[in-house]
Amino acid sequence: MKKILITATTALIFTSCSHSKLAALPENALKPTVITQATPNDTDDPAIWINYQNLAESLLIGTDKQEETGGLYAYNLKGEIINKIVPLNRPNNVDVAYGFEFNGQKIDLAITTERANQKIRIVSLPDFKLIDNGGIDVFENEEIRDPMGVATYKKDHKIYVIVGRKDGPSEGYLHQYLLENNNGKIEAKLIRKFGKYSGKKEIEAIAVDQESGFVYYSDETAGIRKYYADPAKGNDELAFFGQNDFKRDHEGIAIYKTSEKNGYILVSDQQANFFNVYKREGSISNPNEHQLIAKIPVSTIECDGADAVNFNFGPTFPKGFFVAMSNGKVFQLYDWQIIQNEIDKQYKKPSPLINRQ
């Protein structure tokens, strides 16, 4: 029997939705394998940093969203807080990047949006130190500047940062920056403005599929949009899917890879407390056709951000794990096998085509 590692706040988390206006959990909600220690304010978005030298020492990094007293937190895979950067002025979302050239060596980064200061913040990993000289301004000379979503993309040893905001125009909602090391000072050079916006609510969740070279983002209450992450490939929208699959808000996006090209895209159906699952590789005839194949009932309450990873982290997470934010100031980690079992119950893979003479 698999043990569930939980903190003292668990009972409160699982029962709070019945005593408030938050969305009720599904009756068949999957139970998390690990629940993190609570932060002081309001968790929002997680990212996973993989320690390739020692997978057991990998980190979960999460934002605690609050003006003036917010922070960025580092957890071990048991859900224990082991480091933090406080205060930050409403950190919203976070992502990680690997192999940035800095002061004569390659380092890994966590990059978070500091919404109330209209900046992105750069943190070195795994030592968890700010190295950005107070932050880097984004959306300069724009009327609407408050950054929310963030995702990284690496191409030809260059690290790009894609940033979304609280509101924006119908075209060019996202800005993509190239990180540069200018004599020990990290700078962000604007490379392009791209991405459609329905105007219905906002765009927060952004996720990059590094191997496939795509970026996905949730246009809340409208659908999920797909573009090339490489700016050299242009700004044409490749797909707009999930438009009729959600109760209301499209939120956090996680990508789980089963092979170089195959896997799953999981998107938070926030007011239903489900994650909707789409095939990463698309359909047999069209790689940009992403149809709903499963709805995963989870114990996260009105989830914003999510992430997933497919490495073997030992007995607790032999196939990796899926992590999602939950109301209650925590993140929930699910052994991927739990998620995969639920997908397999709902999704029947099409039979191979048989050539007939």
Protein backbone atom coordinates (compact mmCIF):
# COMPACT_ATOMS: atom_id res chain seq x y z
CA MET A 1 0.00 0.00 0.00
CA LYS A 2 1.36 3.42 -0.94
CA LYS A 3 1.77 5.81 1.95
CA ILE A 4 0.35 9.32 1.71
CA LEU A 5 2.60 12.01 3.15
CA ILE A 6 0.54 14.90 4.48
CA THR A 7 0.91 17.85 6.76
CA ALA A 8 -1.22 18.87 9.72
CA THR A 9 -3.23 21.17 7.47
CA THR A 10 -4.65 18.32 5.39
CA ALA A 11 -7.98 17.97 7.19
CA LEU A 12 -8.62 21.66 6.81
CA ILE A 13 -7.81 21.57 3.11
CA PHE A 14 -10.10 18.65 2.31
CA THR A 15 -13.05 20.03 4.27
CA SER A 16 -12.78 23.76 3.66
CA CYS A 17 -14.63 23.70 0.35
CA SER A 18 -17.77 22.42 2.06
CA HIS A 19 -17.84 25.46 4.33
CA SER A 20 -17.24 28.13 1.70
CA LYS A 21 -18.14 29.21 -1.80
CA LEU A 22 -15.21 27.32 -3.29
CA ALA A 23 -15.93 24.58 -5.81
CA ALA A 24 -16.77 21.22 -4.21
CA LEU A 25 -14.40 18.31 -4.74
CA PRO A 26 -15.59 15.49 -7.01
CA GLU A 27 -16.81 12.45 -5.07
CA ASN A 28 -14.17 10.29 -6.75
CA ALA A 29 -11.34 12.80 -6.33
CA LEU A 30 -7.87 11.27 -6.42
CA LYS A 31 -5.87 11.67 -3.23
CA PRO A 32 -2.43 13.32 -3.38
CA THR A 33 0.71 11.43 -2.47
CA VAL A 34 2.33 14.46 -0.81
CA ILE A 35 0.96 17.79 0.38
CA THR A 36 3.45 20.56 1.02
CA GLN A 37 3.78 22.65 4.12
CA ALA A 38 1.61 25.75 3.96
CA THR A 39 2.90 29.21 3.07
CA PRO A 40 1.75 32.36 4.90
CA ASN A 41 -0.39 33.84 2.13
CA ASP A 42 -1.66 32.27 -1.08
CA THR A 43 0.13 29.69 -3.23
CA ASP A 44 -0.29 30.12 -6.96
CA ASP A 45 2.14 28.37 -9.30
CA PRO A 46 4.71 25.53 -9.02
CA ALA A 47 7.76 24.60 -11.08
CA ILE A 48 10.00 21.55 -10.81
CA TRP A 49 13.79 21.82 -10.83
CA ILE A 50 15.44 18.51 -11.67
CA ASN A 51 18.78 17.80 -10.03
CA TYR A 52 20.33 15.62 -12.72
CA GLN A 53 23.23 14.69 -10.44
CA ASN A 54 20.93 13.43 -7.67
CA LEU A 55 17.25 13.16 -8.53
CA ALA A 56 16.29 12.78 -4.87
CA GLU A 57 17.61 16.31 -4.27
CA SER A 58 15.34 17.86 -6.89
CA LEU A 59 13.22 20.82 -5.82
CA LEU A 60 9.65 21.98 -6.06
CA ILE A 61 9.56 25.76 -6.36
CA GLY A 62 6.35 27.68 -5.71
CA THR A 63 5.04 31.21 -5.48
CA ASP A 64 3.27 32.64 -2.44
CA LYS A 65 1.18 35.42 -3.97
CA GLN A 66 0.74 38.56 -1.88
CA GLU A 67 1.58 42.25 -2.19
CA GLU A 68 4.67 43.28 -0.19
CA THR A 69 4.85 40.07 1.90
CA GLY A 70 4.81 37.41 -0.82
CA GLY A 71 7.66 35.02 -1.52
CA LEU A 72 9.24 32.27 -3.55
CA TYR A 73 9.54 28.94 -1.72
CA ALA A 74 11.66 25.83 -2.28
CA TYR A 75 10.42 22.42 -1.11
CA ASN A 76 12.01 18.99 -1.06
CA LEU A 77 10.07 16.08 -2.53
CA LYS A 78 8.58 15.35 0.89
CA GLY A 79 6.82 18.71 0.72
CA GLU A 80 8.97 20.37 3.38
CA ILE A 81 9.95 24.02 2.95
CA ILE A 82 13.76 24.13 2.83
CA ASN A 83 14.38 27.65 1.51
CA LYS A 84 12.56 30.87 0.71
CA ILE A 85 13.03 34.34 -0.71
CA VAL A 86 10.93 36.94 1.10
CA PRO A 87 9.56 39.49 0.78
CA LEU A 88 8.55 39.72 -2.86
CA ASN A 89 5.83 42.04 -4.11
CA ARG A 90 3.12 39.68 -5.39
CA PRO A 91 5.10 36.97 -7.14
CA ASN A 92 2.69 35.28 -9.52
CA ASN A 93 4.06 32.46 -11.66
CA VAL A 94 7.42 30.68 -11.87
CA ASP A 95 9.40 28.50 -14.28
CA VAL A 96 12.92 27.08 -14.42
CA ALA A 97 15.71 27.11 -17.01
CA TYR A 98 18.93 25.13 -17.29
CA GLY A 99 22.45 26.06 -18.33
CA PHE A 100 22.59 29.87 -18.36
CA GLU A 101 26.09 31.29 -18.88
CA PHE A 102 26.82 33.53 -15.89
CA ASN A 103 30.13 34.71 -14.46
CA GLY A 104 32.12 32.08 -16.28
CA GLN A 105 29.96 29.09 -15.45
CA LYS A 106 26.65 27.52 -16.36
CA ILE A 107 23.92 27.83 -13.77
CA ASP A 108 20.24 26.93 -13.54
CA LEU A 109 17.56 29.53 -12.95
CA ALA A 110 14.13 30.01 -11.44
CA ILE A 111 12.31 32.94 -13.01
CA THR A 112 9.24 34.45 -11.37
CA THR A 113 7.01 37.37 -12.22
CA GLU A 114 6.83 40.07 -9.55
CA ARG A 115 3.49 41.48 -10.56
CA ALA A 116 3.17 44.49 -8.26
CA ASN A 117 6.63 45.74 -9.29
CA GLN A 118 6.15 44.98 -13.02
CA LYS A 119 9.34 42.92 -13.14
CA ILE A 120 10.67 39.42 -13.54
CA ARG A 121 13.03 38.13 -10.84
CA ILE A 122 15.95 35.79 -11.50
CA VAL A 123 17.04 33.22 -8.92
CA SER A 124 20.08 30.93 -9.17
CA LEU A 125 19.58 27.23 -8.48
CA PRO A 126 20.01 25.24 -6.35
CA ASP A 127 21.47 27.85 -3.96
CA PHE A 128 18.24 29.87 -4.28
CA LYS A 129 19.70 33.40 -4.44
CA LEU A 130 18.44 36.46 -6.30
CA ILE A 131 20.98 37.49 -8.96
CA ASP A 132 19.04 40.17 -10.86
CA ASN A 133 20.10 43.43 -9.15
CA GLY A 134 16.54 44.22 -8.07
CA GLY A 135 14.65 42.75 -11.00
CA ILE A 136 14.16 43.28 -14.73
CA ASP A 137 11.36 45.50 -16.06
CA VAL A 138 8.89 43.93 -18.51
CA PHE A 139 6.20 45.35 -20.81
CA GLU A 140 8.04 48.66 -20.90
CA ASN A 141 6.22 51.48 -22.71
CA GLU A 142 2.99 49.48 -22.60
CA GLU A 143 -0.23 50.79 -21.06
CA ILE A 144 -0.85 47.49 -19.25
CA ARG A 145 2.27 46.13 -17.56
CA ASP A 146 1.42 43.82 -14.64
CA PRO A 147 3.12 40.46 -15.39
CA MET A 148 1.47 37.18 -14.42
CA GLY A 149 2.36 34.05 -16.38
CA VAL A 150 5.91 33.02 -17.28
CA ALA A 151 7.56 30.15 -19.16
CA THR A 152 11.08 29.51 -20.42
CA TYR A 153 12.36 28.11 -23.71
CA LYS A 154 15.92 27.17 -24.70
CA LYS A 155 17.22 27.07 -28.28
CA ASP A 156 20.84 26.99 -29.46
CA HIS A 157 22.10 27.64 -25.91
CA LYS A 158 19.92 30.77 -25.69
CA ILE A 159 17.33 31.09 -22.92
CA TYR A 160 14.08 32.88 -23.69
CA VAL A 161 11.42 34.00 -21.24
CA ILE A 162 7.79 34.27 -22.35
CA VAL A 163 5.74 36.58 -20.12
CA GLY A 164 1.99 37.21 -19.94
CA ARG A 165 0.14 39.98 -18.11
CA LYS A 166 -3.07 40.78 -16.28
CA ASP A 167 -4.67 42.35 -19.35
CA GLY A 168 -3.60 43.25 -22.84
CA PRO A 169 -4.42 43.71 -26.53
CA SER A 170 -6.19 41.22 -28.79
CA GLU A 171 -2.87 40.60 -30.60
CA GLY A 172 0.59 40.62 -29.03
CA TYR A 173 -0.56 39.79 -25.51
CA LEU A 174 2.64 37.88 -24.71
CA HIS A 175 6.17 39.26 -24.82
CA GLN A 176 9.18 37.03 -25.42
CA TYR A 177 12.58 38.09 -24.08
CA LEU A 178 16.11 36.79 -24.59
CA LEU A 179 18.14 36.59 -21.39
CA GLU A 180 21.64 38.02 -21.79
CA ASN A 181 24.63 38.27 -19.48
CA ASN A 182 26.12 41.75 -19.81
CA ASN A 183 29.34 41.70 -17.78
CA GLY A 184 27.69 40.01 -14.81
CA LYS A 185 24.37 41.83 -15.14
CA ILE A 186 21.42 39.84 -16.45
CA GLU A 187 19.33 41.71 -19.01
CA ALA A 188 16.22 40.80 -21.00
CA LYS A 189 16.02 41.81 -24.65
CA LEU A 190 12.54 41.99 -26.18
CA ILE A 191 12.43 39.63 -29.17
CA ARG A 192 8.77 39.58 -30.15
CA LYS A 193 5.19 40.31 -29.18
CA PHE A 194 2.73 37.56 -30.07
CA GLY A 195 -0.42 35.72 -29.07
CA LYS A 196 -4.13 36.26 -29.50
CA TYR A 197 -6.44 37.19 -26.64
CA SER A 198 -10.22 36.80 -26.57
CA GLY A 199 -10.74 39.74 -24.22
CA LYS A 200 -13.01 37.62 -22.04
CA LYS A 201 -10.94 37.46 -18.84
CA GLU A 202 -7.12 37.17 -18.72
CA ILE A 203 -4.15 34.99 -19.67
CA GLU A 204 -2.10 33.55 -16.81
CA ALA A 205 -1.02 29.94 -17.37
CA ILE A 206 1.78 29.49 -19.92
CA ALA A 207 3.67 26.25 -20.58
CA VAL A 208 6.44 25.42 -23.05
CA ASP A 209 7.02 21.96 -24.48
CA GLN A 210 10.79 22.20 -24.84
CA GLU A 211 11.32 19.07 -26.95
CA SER A 212 8.43 19.73 -29.34
CA GLY A 213 9.04 23.47 -29.50
CA PHE A 214 5.51 24.66 -28.72
CA VAL A 215 4.09 27.11 -26.22
CA TYR A 216 0.57 26.72 -24.84
CA TYR A 217 -1.41 29.26 -22.83
CA SER A 218 -4.84 29.45 -21.24
CA ASP A 219 -7.08 32.20 -22.54
CA GLU A 220 -9.39 31.99 -19.54
CA THR A 221 -13.04 31.11 -20.29
CA ALA A 222 -12.14 30.87 -24.00
CA GLY A 223 -9.69 28.01 -24.65
CA ILE A 224 -6.06 26.92 -24.92
CA ARG A 225 -3.90 28.50 -27.61
CA LYS A 226 -0.81 26.97 -29.22
CA TYR A 227 2.14 28.68 -30.96
CA TYR A 228 5.74 27.97 -31.86
CA ALA A 229 8.06 28.79 -28.96
CA ASP A 230 10.89 29.58 -31.38
CA PRO A 231 10.44 33.22 -32.50
CA ALA A 232 12.13 32.42 -35.82
CA LYS A 233 9.16 30.21 -36.76
CA GLY A 234 6.66 33.06 -36.75
CA ASN A 235 3.58 34.15 -34.87
CA ASP A 236 0.81 32.12 -36.51
CA GLU A 237 -1.58 30.42 -34.13
CA LEU A 238 -1.32 26.64 -34.56
CA ALA A 239 -4.32 25.54 -32.49
CA PHE A 240 -7.13 26.87 -30.32
CA PHE A 241 -8.67 23.96 -28.42
CA GLY A 242 -10.65 23.03 -25.31
CA GLN A 243 -13.20 25.72 -26.00
CA ASN A 244 -16.20 23.68 -24.84
CA ASP A 245 -14.58 21.35 -22.30
CA PHE A 246 -14.49 23.56 -19.19
CA LYS A 247 -16.98 24.67 -16.57
CA ARG A 248 -15.53 28.21 -16.63
CA ASP A 249 -11.85 29.12 -16.26
CA HIS A 250 -9.01 27.46 -18.16
CA GLU A 251 -6.06 27.63 -15.76
CA GLY A 252 -2.77 25.82 -15.05
CA ILE A 253 -1.09 23.75 -17.77
CA ALA A 254 1.24 20.78 -17.19
CA ILE A 255 2.95 18.66 -19.84
CA TYR A 256 3.85 15.04 -19.09
CA LYS A 257 6.07 13.26 -21.62
CA THR A 258 5.86 9.52 -22.25
CA SER A 259 8.39 9.67 -25.11
CA GLU A 260 10.19 12.30 -27.18
CA LYS A 261 6.98 13.23 -29.00
CA ASN A 262 4.12 11.63 -27.08
CA GLY A 263 2.46 12.36 -23.76
CA TYR A 264 -0.27 14.46 -22.23
CA ILE A 265 -1.27 18.09 -21.79
CA LEU A 266 -3.19 18.58 -18.53
CA VAL A 267 -5.19 21.78 -18.01
CA SER A 268 -6.96 22.86 -14.84
CA ASP A 269 -10.75 23.09 -15.09
CA GLN A 270 -10.70 25.38 -12.09
CA GLN A 271 -14.32 25.59 -11.01
CA ALA A 272 -14.88 21.84 -11.52
CA ASN A 273 -11.74 20.65 -9.66
CA PHE A 274 -10.77 18.47 -12.61
CA PHE A 275 -7.78 18.41 -14.92
CA ASN A 276 -8.68 17.95 -18.57
CA VAL A 277 -6.25 15.78 -20.53
CA TYR A 278 -5.26 16.15 -24.19
CA LYS A 279 -2.79 14.14 -26.26
CA ARG A 280 0.52 15.98 -26.52
CA GLU A 281 1.16 14.61 -30.02
CA GLY A 282 -2.26 15.60 -31.35
CA SER A 283 -4.23 13.26 -33.58
CA ILE A 284 -2.91 10.74 -36.09
CA SER A 285 -3.74 13.04 -39.00
CA ASN A 286 -3.01 16.42 -37.39
CA PRO A 287 -0.40 17.15 -34.68
CA ASN A 288 -2.24 20.38 -33.86
CA GLU A 289 -5.59 18.71 -33.21
CA HIS A 290 -5.93 18.23 -29.45
CA GLN A 291 -9.14 16.52 -28.39
CA LEU A 292 -10.22 15.84 -24.82
CA ILE A 293 -9.41 12.24 -23.83
CA ALA A 294 -9.93 12.25 -20.05
CA LYS A 295 -11.08 14.33 -17.10
CA ILE A 296 -9.05 13.70 -13.94
CA PRO A 297 -10.86 14.35 -10.63
CA VAL A 298 -8.36 15.82 -8.19
CA SER A 299 -8.31 16.99 -4.58
CA THR A 300 -6.91 20.40 -5.47
CA ILE A 301 -9.38 23.16 -4.73
CA GLU A 302 -9.75 25.69 -7.58
CA CYS A 303 -6.26 25.05 -8.93
CA ASP A 304 -4.26 27.79 -10.64
CA GLY A 305 -0.78 26.50 -11.58
CA ALA A 306 0.51 22.98 -12.28
CA ASP A 307 3.57 21.10 -13.55
CA ALA A 308 4.62 17.51 -14.27
CA VAL A 309 7.81 15.49 -14.72
CA ASN A 310 8.53 11.92 -15.84
CA PHE A 311 11.78 10.99 -14.04
CA ASN A 312 12.14 8.12 -11.56
CA PHE A 313 12.47 9.79 -8.15
CA GLY A 314 12.42 6.53 -6.22
CA PRO A 315 9.65 4.50 -4.53
CA THR A 316 7.34 7.46 -3.93
CA PHE A 317 7.44 8.71 -7.52
CA PRO A 318 8.83 5.93 -9.77
CA LYS A 319 7.24 7.38 -12.92
CA GLY A 320 7.56 11.01 -11.87
CA PHE A 321 4.80 13.16 -10.48
CA PHE A 322 2.15 15.77 -11.20
CA VAL A 323 1.98 18.84 -8.94
CA ALA A 324 -0.80 21.39 -8.64
CA MET A 325 -1.63 24.36 -6.47
CA SER A 326 -4.61 24.15 -4.13
CA ASN A 327 -6.47 26.62 -1.97
CA GLY A 328 -5.18 26.12 1.55
CA LYS A 329 -1.77 27.69 0.79
CA VAL A 330 -0.30 24.40 -0.41
CA PHE A 331 0.74 22.36 -3.41
CA GLN A 332 -0.33 18.75 -3.95
CA LEU A 333 1.97 16.14 -5.51
CA TYR A 334 0.49 13.04 -7.16
CA ASP A 335 2.47 9.93 -8.04
CA TRP A 336 2.12 9.90 -11.83
CA GLN A 337 0.93 6.29 -11.76
CA ILE A 338 -2.25 7.48 -10.03
CA ILE A 339 -2.91 9.95 -12.84
CA GLN A 340 -2.01 7.43 -15.56
CA ASN A 341 -4.38 4.82 -14.13
CA GLU A 342 -7.24 7.31 -14.34
CA ILE A 343 -6.34 8.26 -17.91
CA ASP A 344 -6.25 4.58 -18.87
CA LYS A 345 -9.72 4.04 -17.41
CA GLN A 346 -11.20 6.76 -19.59
CA TYR A 347 -9.15 6.75 -22.79
CA LYS A 348 -9.30 3.86 -25.21
CA LYS A 349 -6.40 4.08 -27.64
CA PRO A 350 -7.43 3.67 -31.29
CA SER A 351 -6.61 0.33 -32.85
CA PRO A 352 -3.69 0.31 -35.30
CA LEU A 353 -4.68 0.59 -38.94
CA ILE A 354 -4.61 -2.76 -40.70
CA ASN A 355 -3.75 -2.84 -44.39
CA ARG A 356 -6.19 -5.02 -46.29
CA GLN A 357 -5.74 -6.33 -49.81
